[in-house]
Amino acid sequence: MTIDNQIEPPQSFMAMYITQGQSRPTAPQEMVLGRYEQCEDMACVLTEHAQTLAFKENFSAPEILSRCRKDLLDHESDFNDKEAEWIICRLAELLGWEPPTFK
């Protein structure tokens, strides 16, 4: 089955699905593309929320990113830890903020 999808996930996202030393994802292409679209959409949705926290609540960028990550992991979201980290890094990129480092 071929996929007629023009979307190509960035390497930073694909790294979650490629085992070191391998070149092919460990999951089906349809699943990887679907997960990428969900994660990208969430990062875009969070931009307005993050900007509101920055301007109205006067929170710092690191605090906002930390809160958003916590919310992604605490609520009944569909995102695992690695996806949440990717979303937060993408959110920082969209906002022009320094991306956080994760332990």
PDB file of N, CA and C in Angstrom:
ATOM      1  N   MET A   1       0.847  -1.173   0.000  1.00  0.00           N
ATOM      2  CA  MET A   1       0.000   0.000   0.000  1.00  0.00           C
ATOM      3  C   MET A   1       0.891   1.234   0.000  1.00  0.00           C
ATOM      4  N   THR A   2       0.665   2.128  -0.937  1.00  0.00           N
ATOM      5  CA  THR A   2       1.438   3.359  -0.977  1.00  0.00           C
ATOM      6  C   THR A   2       0.645   4.468  -0.298  1.00  0.00           C
ATOM      7  N   ILE A   3       1.378   5.416   0.209  1.00  0.00           N
ATOM      8  CA  ILE A   3       0.743   6.546   0.882  1.00  0.00           C
ATOM      9  C   ILE A   3       0.876   7.767  -0.009  1.00  0.00           C
ATOM     10  N   ASP A   4      -0.234   8.406  -0.295  1.00  0.00           N
ATOM     11  CA  ASP A   4      -0.233   9.609  -1.119  1.00  0.00           C
ATOM     12  C   ASP A   4      -0.195  10.838  -0.241  1.00  0.00           C
ATOM     13  N   ASN A   5       0.733  10.858   0.683  1.00  0.00           N
ATOM     14  CA  ASN A   5       0.835  11.941   1.641  1.00  0.00           C
ATOM     15  C   ASN A   5       2.115  12.708   1.363  1.00  0.00           C
ATOM     16  N   GLN A   6       2.009  14.026   1.237  1.00  0.00           N
ATOM     17  CA  GLN A   6       3.152  14.874   0.933  1.00  0.00           C
ATOM     18  C   GLN A   6       3.935  15.256   2.188  1.00  0.00           C
ATOM     19  N   ILE A   7       3.418  14.922   3.352  1.00  0.00           N
ATOM     20  CA  ILE A   7       4.046  15.309   4.609  1.00  0.00           C
ATOM     21  C   ILE A   7       5.253  14.418   4.873  1.00  0.00           C
ATOM     22  N   GLU A   8       6.358  15.056   5.226  1.00  0.00           N
ATOM     23  CA  GLU A   8       7.551  14.315   5.604  1.00  0.00           C
ATOM     24  C   GLU A   8       7.965  14.772   6.999  1.00  0.00           C
ATOM     25  N   PRO A   9       7.804  13.908   7.990  1.00  0.00           N
ATOM     26  CA  PRO A   9       8.176  14.295   9.352  1.00  0.00           C
ATOM     27  C   PRO A   9       9.660  14.648   9.439  1.00  0.00           C
ATOM     28  N   PRO A  10      10.001  15.625  10.276  1.00  0.00           N
ATOM     29  CA  PRO A  10      11.417  15.987  10.431  1.00  0.00           C
ATOM     30  C   PRO A  10      12.200  14.872  11.125  1.00  0.00           C
ATOM     31  N   GLN A  11      13.500  14.904  10.946  1.00  0.00           N
ATOM     32  CA  GLN A  11      14.378  13.901  11.555  1.00  0.00           C
ATOM     33  C   GLN A  11      14.206  13.853  13.068  1.00  0.00           C
ATOM     34  N   SER A  12      13.980  15.004  13.691  1.00  0.00           N
ATOM     35  CA  SER A  12      13.816  15.029  15.146  1.00  0.00           C
ATOM     36  C   SER A  12      12.640  14.170  15.582  1.00  0.00           C
ATOM     37  N   PHE A  13      11.608  14.119  14.779  1.00  0.00           N
ATOM     38  CA  PHE A  13      10.452  13.281  15.090  1.00  0.00           C
ATOM     39  C   PHE A  13      10.735  11.824  14.738  1.00  0.00           C
ATOM     40  N   MET A  14      11.313  11.611  13.580  1.00  0.00           N
ATOM     41  CA  MET A  14      11.595  10.250  13.126  1.00  0.00           C
ATOM     42  C   MET A  14      12.549   9.521  14.071  1.00  0.00           C
ATOM     43  N   ALA A  15      13.385  10.258  14.777  1.00  0.00           N
ATOM     44  CA  ALA A  15      14.343   9.645  15.709  1.00  0.00           C
ATOM     45  C   ALA A  15      13.638   8.801  16.772  1.00  0.00           C
ATOM     46  N   MET A  16      12.385   9.116  17.067  1.00  0.00           N
ATOM     47  CA  MET A  16      11.630   8.330  18.051  1.00  0.00           C
ATOM     48  C   MET A  16      11.289   6.937  17.520  1.00  0.00           C
ATOM     49  N   TYR A  17      11.303   6.783  16.212  1.00  0.00           N
ATOM     50  CA  TYR A  17      10.865   5.542  15.586  1.00  0.00           C
ATOM     51  C   TYR A  17      11.974   4.791  14.855  1.00  0.00           C
ATOM     52  N   ILE A  18      13.189   5.294  14.923  1.00  0.00           N
ATOM     53  CA  ILE A  18      14.300   4.630  14.258  1.00  0.00           C
ATOM     54  C   ILE A  18      15.316   4.204  15.312  1.00  0.00           C
ATOM     55  N   THR A  19      15.556   2.924  15.381  1.00  0.00           N
ATOM     56  CA  THR A  19      16.525   2.368  16.307  1.00  0.00           C
ATOM     57  C   THR A  19      17.924   2.703  15.809  1.00  0.00           C
ATOM     58  N   GLN A  20      18.814   3.019  16.731  1.00  0.00           N
ATOM     59  CA  GLN A  20      20.186   3.359  16.364  1.00  0.00           C
ATOM     60  C   GLN A  20      20.787   2.256  15.505  1.00  0.00           C
ATOM     61  N   GLY A  21      21.408   2.656  14.413  1.00  0.00           N
ATOM     62  CA  GLY A  21      22.005   1.700  13.494  1.00  0.00           C
ATOM     63  C   GLY A  21      21.053   1.223  12.411  1.00  0.00           C
ATOM     64  N   GLN A  22      19.794   1.596  12.503  1.00  0.00           N
ATOM     65  CA  GLN A  22      18.791   1.209  11.510  1.00  0.00           C
ATOM     66  C   GLN A  22      18.420   2.421  10.664  1.00  0.00           C
ATOM     67  N   SER A  23      17.809   2.182   9.527  1.00  0.00           N
ATOM     68  CA  SER A  23      17.391   3.295   8.675  1.00  0.00           C
ATOM     69  C   SER A  23      15.876   3.340   8.476  1.00  0.00           C
ATOM     70  N   ARG A  24      15.204   2.283   8.868  1.00  0.00           N
ATOM     71  CA  ARG A  24      13.752   2.226   8.691  1.00  0.00           C
ATOM     72  C   ARG A  24      13.050   2.361  10.041  1.00  0.00           C
ATOM     73  N   PRO A  25      11.898   3.007  10.042  1.00  0.00           N
ATOM     74  CA  PRO A  25      11.138   3.148  11.295  1.00  0.00           C
ATOM     75  C   PRO A  25      10.698   1.794  11.838  1.00  0.00           C
ATOM     76  N   THR A  26      10.536   1.742  13.146  1.00  0.00           N
ATOM     77  CA  THR A  26      10.095   0.518  13.815  1.00  0.00           C
ATOM     78  C   THR A  26       8.580   0.377  13.808  1.00  0.00           C
ATOM     79  N   ALA A  27       7.884   1.340  13.242  1.00  0.00           N
ATOM     80  CA  ALA A  27       6.419   1.321  13.179  1.00  0.00           C
ATOM     81  C   ALA A  27       5.989   1.545  11.728  1.00  0.00           C
ATOM     82  N   PRO A  28       4.777   1.150  11.391  1.00  0.00           N
ATOM     83  CA  PRO A  28       4.280   1.364  10.025  1.00  0.00           C
ATOM     84  C   PRO A  28       4.237   2.852   9.664  1.00  0.00           C
ATOM     85  N   GLN A  29       4.494   3.135   8.406  1.00  0.00           N
ATOM     86  CA  GLN A  29       4.541   4.510   7.919  1.00  0.00           C
ATOM     87  C   GLN A  29       3.246   5.275   8.224  1.00  0.00           C
ATOM     88  N   GLU A  30       2.111   4.629   8.065  1.00  0.00           N
ATOM     89  CA  GLU A  30       0.835   5.290   8.322  1.00  0.00           C
ATOM     90  C   GLU A  30       0.731   5.740   9.775  1.00  0.00           C
ATOM     91  N   MET A  31       1.220   4.882  10.677  1.00  0.00           N
ATOM     92  CA  MET A  31       1.168   5.220  12.095  1.00  0.00           C
ATOM     93  C   MET A  31       2.110   6.383  12.419  1.00  0.00           C
ATOM     94  N   VAL A  32       3.316   6.337  11.886  1.00  0.00           N
ATOM     95  CA  VAL A  32       4.289   7.400  12.143  1.00  0.00           C
ATOM     96  C   VAL A  32       3.760   8.733  11.622  1.00  0.00           C
ATOM     97  N   LEU A  33       3.225   8.739  10.420  1.00  0.00           N
ATOM     98  CA  LEU A  33       2.675   9.980   9.856  1.00  0.00           C
ATOM     99  C   LEU A  33       1.494  10.492  10.677  1.00  0.00           C
ATOM    100  N   GLY A  34       0.646   9.585  11.121  1.00  0.00           N
ATOM    101  CA  GLY A  34      -0.492   9.980  11.951  1.00  0.00           C
ATOM    102  C   GLY A  34      -0.047  10.586  13.274  1.00  0.00           C
ATOM    103  N   ARG A  35       0.929   9.953  13.913  1.00  0.00           N
ATOM    104  CA  ARG A  35       1.450  10.472  15.186  1.00  0.00           C
ATOM    105  C   ARG A  35       2.105  11.827  14.976  1.00  0.00           C
ATOM    106  N   TYR A  36       2.856  11.961  13.887  1.00  0.00           N
ATOM    107  CA  TYR A  36       3.499  13.244  13.600  1.00  0.00           C
ATOM    108  C   TYR A  36       2.446  14.347  13.440  1.00  0.00           C
ATOM    109  N   GLU A  37       1.414  14.080  12.681  1.00  0.00           N
ATOM    110  CA  GLU A  37       0.368  15.080  12.472  1.00  0.00           C
ATOM    111  C   GLU A  37      -0.291  15.468  13.790  1.00  0.00           C
ATOM    112  N   GLN A  38      -0.545  14.487  14.664  1.00  0.00           N
ATOM    113  CA  GLN A  38      -1.148  14.795  15.960  1.00  0.00           C
ATOM    114  C   GLN A  38      -0.209  15.646  16.819  1.00  0.00           C
ATOM    115  N   CYS A  39       1.060  15.293  16.834  1.00  0.00           N
ATOM    116  CA  CYS A  39       2.024  16.037  17.651  1.00  0.00           C
ATOM    117  C   CYS A  39       2.224  17.456  17.114  1.00  0.00           C
ATOM    118  N   GLU A  40       2.339  17.590  15.816  1.00  0.00           N
ATOM    119  CA  GLU A  40       2.495  18.915  15.201  1.00  0.00           C
ATOM    120  C   GLU A  40       1.262  19.771  15.480  1.00  0.00           C
ATOM    121  N   ASP A  41       0.086  19.187  15.330  1.00  0.00           N
ATOM    122  CA  ASP A  41      -1.155  19.922  15.605  1.00  0.00           C
ATOM    123  C   ASP A  41      -1.199  20.386  17.061  1.00  0.00           C
ATOM    124  N   MET A  42      -0.804  19.521  17.990  1.00  0.00           N
ATOM    125  CA  MET A  42      -0.818  19.895  19.402  1.00  0.00           C
ATOM    126  C   MET A  42       0.154  21.040  19.671  1.00  0.00           C
ATOM    127  N   ALA A  43       1.330  20.988  19.083  1.00  0.00           N
ATOM    128  CA  ALA A  43       2.291  22.078  19.269  1.00  0.00           C
ATOM    129  C   ALA A  43       1.705  23.397  18.764  1.00  0.00           C
ATOM    130  N   CYS A  44       1.033  23.353  17.634  1.00  0.00           N
ATOM    131  CA  CYS A  44       0.416  24.570  17.088  1.00  0.00           C
ATOM    132  C   CYS A  44      -0.712  25.073  17.977  1.00  0.00           C
ATOM    133  N   VAL A  45      -1.530  24.163  18.484  1.00  0.00           N
ATOM    134  CA  VAL A  45      -2.629  24.535  19.377  1.00  0.00           C
ATOM    135  C   VAL A  45      -2.090  25.185  20.650  1.00  0.00           C
ATOM    136  N   LEU A  46      -0.990  24.667  21.162  1.00  0.00           N
ATOM    137  CA  LEU A  46      -0.432  25.182  22.414  1.00  0.00           C
ATOM    138  C   LEU A  46       0.217  26.559  22.282  1.00  0.00           C
ATOM    139  N   THR A  47       0.490  27.014  21.072  1.00  0.00           N
ATOM    140  CA  THR A  47       1.158  28.315  20.922  1.00  0.00           C
ATOM    141  C   THR A  47       0.323  29.451  21.515  1.00  0.00           C
ATOM    142  N   GLU A  48      -0.957  29.469  21.217  1.00  0.00           N
ATOM    143  CA  GLU A  48      -1.812  30.538  21.747  1.00  0.00           C
ATOM    144  C   GLU A  48      -1.887  30.467  23.273  1.00  0.00           C
ATOM    145  N   HIS A  49      -2.029  29.270  23.803  1.00  0.00           N
ATOM    146  CA  HIS A  49      -2.083  29.087  25.259  1.00  0.00           C
ATOM    147  C   HIS A  49      -0.780  29.570  25.903  1.00  0.00           C
ATOM    148  N   ALA A  50       0.345  29.205  25.313  1.00  0.00           N
ATOM    149  CA  ALA A  50       1.647  29.604  25.854  1.00  0.00           C
ATOM    150  C   ALA A  50       1.822  31.124  25.797  1.00  0.00           C
ATOM    151  N   GLN A  51       1.413  31.728  24.709  1.00  0.00           N
ATOM    152  CA  GLN A  51       1.512  33.189  24.598  1.00  0.00           C
ATOM    153  C   GLN A  51       0.631  33.886  25.629  1.00  0.00           C
ATOM    154  N   THR A  52      -0.538  33.335  25.872  1.00  0.00           N
ATOM    155  CA  THR A  52      -1.427  33.899  26.893  1.00  0.00           C
ATOM    156  C   THR A  52      -0.769  33.829  28.262  1.00  0.00           C
ATOM    157  N   LEU A  53      -0.185  32.687  28.591  1.00  0.00           N
ATOM    158  CA  LEU A  53       0.502  32.555  29.882  1.00  0.00           C
ATOM    159  C   LEU A  53       1.675  33.529  29.991  1.00  0.00           C
ATOM    160  N   ALA A  54       2.364  33.752  28.900  1.00  0.00           N
ATOM    161  CA  ALA A  54       3.523  34.652  28.916  1.00  0.00           C
ATOM    162  C   ALA A  54       3.098  36.101  29.111  1.00  0.00           C
ATOM    163  N   PHE A  55       2.065  36.527  28.403  1.00  0.00           N
ATOM    164  CA  PHE A  55       1.700  37.937  28.429  1.00  0.00           C
ATOM    165  C   PHE A  55       0.717  38.309  29.525  1.00  0.00           C
ATOM    166  N   LYS A  56      -0.248  37.461  29.789  1.00  0.00           N
ATOM    167  CA  LYS A  56      -1.253  37.793  30.803  1.00  0.00           C
ATOM    168  C   LYS A  56      -0.851  37.355  32.202  1.00  0.00           C
ATOM    169  N   GLU A  57      -0.190  36.205  32.301  1.00  0.00           N
ATOM    170  CA  GLU A  57       0.177  35.663  33.608  1.00  0.00           C
ATOM    171  C   GLU A  57       1.637  35.952  33.971  1.00  0.00           C
ATOM    172  N   ASN A  58       2.405  36.452  32.990  1.00  0.00           N
ATOM    173  CA  ASN A  58       3.798  36.831  33.200  1.00  0.00           C
ATOM    174  C   ASN A  58       4.689  35.656  33.638  1.00  0.00           C
ATOM    175  N   PHE A  59       4.397  34.457  33.125  1.00  0.00           N
ATOM    176  CA  PHE A  59       5.241  33.301  33.394  1.00  0.00           C
ATOM    177  C   PHE A  59       6.449  33.334  32.456  1.00  0.00           C
ATOM    178  N   SER A  60       7.551  32.749  32.893  1.00  0.00           N
ATOM    179  CA  SER A  60       8.746  32.665  32.051  1.00  0.00           C
ATOM    180  C   SER A  60       8.565  31.558  31.018  1.00  0.00           C
ATOM    181  N   ALA A  61       9.332  31.628  29.952  1.00  0.00           N
ATOM    182  CA  ALA A  61       9.260  30.605  28.915  1.00  0.00           C
ATOM    183  C   ALA A  61       9.545  29.207  29.479  1.00  0.00           C
ATOM    184  N   PRO A  62      10.618  29.009  30.265  1.00  0.00           N
ATOM    185  CA  PRO A  62      10.855  27.666  30.809  1.00  0.00           C
ATOM    186  C   PRO A  62       9.699  27.156  31.671  1.00  0.00           C
ATOM    187  N   GLU A  63       9.094  28.047  32.452  1.00  0.00           N
ATOM    188  CA  GLU A  63       7.975  27.639  33.298  1.00  0.00           C
ATOM    189  C   GLU A  63       6.768  27.235  32.449  1.00  0.00           C
ATOM    190  N   ILE A  64       6.509  27.976  31.399  1.00  0.00           N
ATOM    191  CA  ILE A  64       5.384  27.666  30.514  1.00  0.00           C
ATOM    192  C   ILE A  64       5.603  26.319  29.832  1.00  0.00           C
ATOM    193  N   LEU A  65       6.804  26.114  29.317  1.00  0.00           N
ATOM    194  CA  LEU A  65       7.103  24.851  28.636  1.00  0.00           C
ATOM    195  C   LEU A  65       6.999  23.677  29.596  1.00  0.00           C
ATOM    196  N   SER A  66       7.463  23.874  30.817  1.00  0.00           N
ATOM    197  CA  SER A  66       7.378  22.822  31.831  1.00  0.00           C
ATOM    198  C   SER A  66       5.924  22.510  32.168  1.00  0.00           C
ATOM    199  N   ARG A  67       5.121  23.534  32.329  1.00  0.00           N
ATOM    200  CA  ARG A  67       3.699  23.326  32.631  1.00  0.00           C
ATOM    201  C   ARG A  67       2.977  22.609  31.495  1.00  0.00           C
ATOM    202  N   CYS A  68       3.278  23.024  30.260  1.00  0.00           N
ATOM    203  CA  CYS A  68       2.629  22.389  29.112  1.00  0.00           C
ATOM    204  C   CYS A  68       3.016  20.913  29.020  1.00  0.00           C
ATOM    205  N   ARG A  69       4.281  20.604  29.254  1.00  0.00           N
ATOM    206  CA  ARG A  69       4.729  19.206  29.221  1.00  0.00           C
ATOM    207  C   ARG A  69       4.024  18.399  30.306  1.00  0.00           C
ATOM    208  N   LYS A  70       3.952  18.974  31.497  1.00  0.00           N
ATOM    209  CA  LYS A  70       3.278  18.295  32.607  1.00  0.00           C
ATOM    210  C   LYS A  70       1.824  18.029  32.253  1.00  0.00           C
ATOM    211  N   ASP A  71       1.168  19.010  31.671  1.00  0.00           N
ATOM    212  CA  ASP A  71      -0.233  18.836  31.272  1.00  0.00           C
ATOM    213  C   ASP A  71      -0.382  17.739  30.216  1.00  0.00           C
ATOM    214  N   LEU A  72       0.551  17.692  29.271  1.00  0.00           N
ATOM    215  CA  LEU A  72       0.482  16.648  28.247  1.00  0.00           C
ATOM    216  C   LEU A  72       0.597  15.253  28.862  1.00  0.00           C
ATOM    217  N   LEU A  73       1.394  15.145  29.908  1.00  0.00           N
ATOM    218  CA  LEU A  73       1.621  13.838  30.529  1.00  0.00           C
ATOM    219  C   LEU A  73       0.608  13.512  31.619  1.00  0.00           C
ATOM    220  N   ASP A  74       0.063  14.521  32.296  1.00  0.00           N
ATOM    221  CA  ASP A  74      -0.853  14.291  33.409  1.00  0.00           C
ATOM    222  C   ASP A  74      -2.276  13.972  32.969  1.00  0.00           C
ATOM    223  N   HIS A  75      -2.728  14.641  31.977  1.00  0.00           N
ATOM    224  CA  HIS A  75      -4.109  14.449  31.552  1.00  0.00           C
ATOM    225  C   HIS A  75      -4.230  13.188  30.713  1.00  0.00           C
ATOM    226  N   GLU A  76      -5.414  12.843  30.428  1.00  0.00           N
ATOM    227  CA  GLU A  76      -5.656  11.650  29.639  1.00  0.00           C
ATOM    228  C   GLU A  76      -5.345  11.922  28.174  1.00  0.00           C
ATOM    229  N   SER A  77      -4.129  12.381  27.941  1.00  0.00           N
ATOM    230  CA  SER A  77      -3.729  12.665  26.569  1.00  0.00           C
ATOM    231  C   SER A  77      -3.238  11.398  25.906  1.00  0.00           C
ATOM    232  N   ASP A  78      -3.097  11.489  24.654  1.00  0.00           N
ATOM    233  CA  ASP A  78      -2.713  10.347  23.833  1.00  0.00           C
ATOM    234  C   ASP A  78      -1.205  10.355  23.557  1.00  0.00           C
ATOM    235  N   PHE A  79      -0.435  11.159  24.295  1.00  0.00           N
ATOM    236  CA  PHE A  79       0.976  11.332  23.997  1.00  0.00           C
ATOM    237  C   PHE A  79       1.865  10.647  25.029  1.00  0.00           C
ATOM    238  N   ASN A  80       2.881   9.946  24.541  1.00  0.00           N
ATOM    239  CA  ASN A  80       3.840   9.341  25.455  1.00  0.00           C
ATOM    240  C   ASN A  80       4.915  10.372  25.818  1.00  0.00           C
ATOM    241  N   ASP A  81       5.837   9.989  26.662  1.00  0.00           N
ATOM    242  CA  ASP A  81       6.852  10.917  27.163  1.00  0.00           C
ATOM    243  C   ASP A  81       7.703  11.510  26.040  1.00  0.00           C
ATOM    244  N   LYS A  82       8.159  10.680  25.129  1.00  0.00           N
ATOM    245  CA  LYS A  82       9.004  11.169  24.026  1.00  0.00           C
ATOM    246  C   LYS A  82       8.225  12.106  23.109  1.00  0.00           C
ATOM    247  N   GLU A  83       6.977  11.782  22.847  1.00  0.00           N
ATOM    248  CA  GLU A  83       6.161  12.659  22.016  1.00  0.00           C
ATOM    249  C   GLU A  83       5.917  13.987  22.723  1.00  0.00           C
ATOM    250  N   ALA A  84       5.661  13.940  24.024  1.00  0.00           N
ATOM    251  CA  ALA A  84       5.456  15.177  24.780  1.00  0.00           C
ATOM    252  C   ALA A  84       6.705  16.056  24.724  1.00  0.00           C
ATOM    253  N   GLU A  85       7.867  15.447  24.851  1.00  0.00           N
ATOM    254  CA  GLU A  85       9.111  16.208  24.761  1.00  0.00           C
ATOM    255  C   GLU A  85       9.263  16.832  23.375  1.00  0.00           C
ATOM    256  N   TRP A  86       8.939  16.074  22.345  1.00  0.00           N
ATOM    257  CA  TRP A  86       9.027  16.611  20.983  1.00  0.00           C
ATOM    258  C   TRP A  86       8.053  17.776  20.800  1.00  0.00           C
ATOM    259  N   ILE A  87       6.839  17.616  21.296  1.00  0.00           N
ATOM    260  CA  ILE A  87       5.838  18.682  21.187  1.00  0.00           C
ATOM    261  C   ILE A  87       6.345  19.954  21.867  1.00  0.00           C
ATOM    262  N   ILE A  88       6.928  19.817  23.043  1.00  0.00           N
ATOM    263  CA  ILE A  88       7.414  20.986  23.781  1.00  0.00           C
ATOM    264  C   ILE A  88       8.584  21.638  23.048  1.00  0.00           C
ATOM    265  N   CYS A  89       9.472  20.849  22.503  1.00  0.00           N
ATOM    266  CA  CYS A  89      10.580  21.421  21.713  1.00  0.00           C
ATOM    267  C   CYS A  89      10.038  22.125  20.470  1.00  0.00           C
ATOM    268  N   ARG A  90       9.046  21.544  19.841  1.00  0.00           N
ATOM    269  CA  ARG A  90       8.428  22.171  18.661  1.00  0.00           C
ATOM    270  C   ARG A  90       7.701  23.448  19.061  1.00  0.00           C
ATOM    271  N   LEU A  91       7.026  23.425  20.191  1.00  0.00           N
ATOM    272  CA  LEU A  91       6.352  24.620  20.697  1.00  0.00           C
ATOM    273  C   LEU A  91       7.367  25.737  20.915  1.00  0.00           C
ATOM    274  N   ALA A  92       8.485  25.419  21.548  1.00  0.00           N
ATOM    275  CA  ALA A  92       9.536  26.415  21.770  1.00  0.00           C
ATOM    276  C   ALA A  92      10.034  26.967  20.436  1.00  0.00           C
ATOM    277  N   GLU A  93      10.195  26.090  19.465  1.00  0.00           N
ATOM    278  CA  GLU A  93      10.641  26.522  18.137  1.00  0.00           C
ATOM    279  C   GLU A  93       9.633  27.475  17.502  1.00  0.00           C
ATOM    280  N   LEU A  94       8.356  27.122  17.572  1.00  0.00           N
ATOM    281  CA  LEU A  94       7.308  27.968  16.989  1.00  0.00           C
ATOM    282  C   LEU A  94       7.264  29.352  17.635  1.00  0.00           C
ATOM    283  N   LEU A  95       7.572  29.401  18.925  1.00  0.00           N
ATOM    284  CA  LEU A  95       7.518  30.668  19.656  1.00  0.00           C
ATOM    285  C   LEU A  95       8.847  31.418  19.646  1.00  0.00           C
ATOM    286  N   GLY A  96       9.889  30.804  19.103  1.00  0.00           N
ATOM    287  CA  GLY A  96      11.203  31.432  19.090  1.00  0.00           C
ATOM    288  C   GLY A  96      11.867  31.440  20.452  1.00  0.00           C
ATOM    289  N   TRP A  97      11.513  30.464  21.291  1.00  0.00           N
ATOM    290  CA  TRP A  97      12.074  30.339  22.630  1.00  0.00           C
ATOM    291  C   TRP A  97      13.173  29.283  22.621  1.00  0.00           C
ATOM    292  N   GLU A  98      14.016  29.338  23.630  1.00  0.00           N
ATOM    293  CA  GLU A  98      15.061  28.338  23.816  1.00  0.00           C
ATOM    294  C   GLU A  98      14.401  27.004  24.169  1.00  0.00           C
ATOM    295  N   PRO A  99      14.720  25.941  23.441  1.00  0.00           N
ATOM    296  CA  PRO A  99      14.108  24.645  23.786  1.00  0.00           C
ATOM    297  C   PRO A  99      14.658  24.126  25.104  1.00  0.00           C
ATOM    298  N   PRO A 100      13.837  23.457  25.861  1.00  0.00           N
ATOM    299  CA  PRO A 100      14.291  22.917  27.147  1.00  0.00           C
ATOM    300  C   PRO A 100      15.161  21.682  26.944  1.00  0.00           C
ATOM    301  N   THR A 101      15.904  21.351  27.968  1.00  0.00           N
ATOM    302  CA  THR A 101      16.621  20.077  27.980  1.00  0.00           C
ATOM    303  C   THR A 101      15.887  19.158  28.947  1.00  0.00           C
ATOM    304  N   PHE A 102      15.813  17.905  28.598  1.00  0.00           N
ATOM    305  CA  PHE A 102      15.103  16.934  29.409  1.00  0.00           C
ATOM    306  C   PHE A 102      16.099  15.970  30.008  1.00  0.00           C
ATOM    307  N   LYS A 103      15.833  15.555  31.244  1.00  0.00           N
ATOM    308  CA  LYS A 103      16.717  14.618  31.944  1.00  0.00           C
ATOM    309  C   LYS A 103      16.466  13.209  31.543  1.00  0.00           C
TER     310      LYS A 103
END
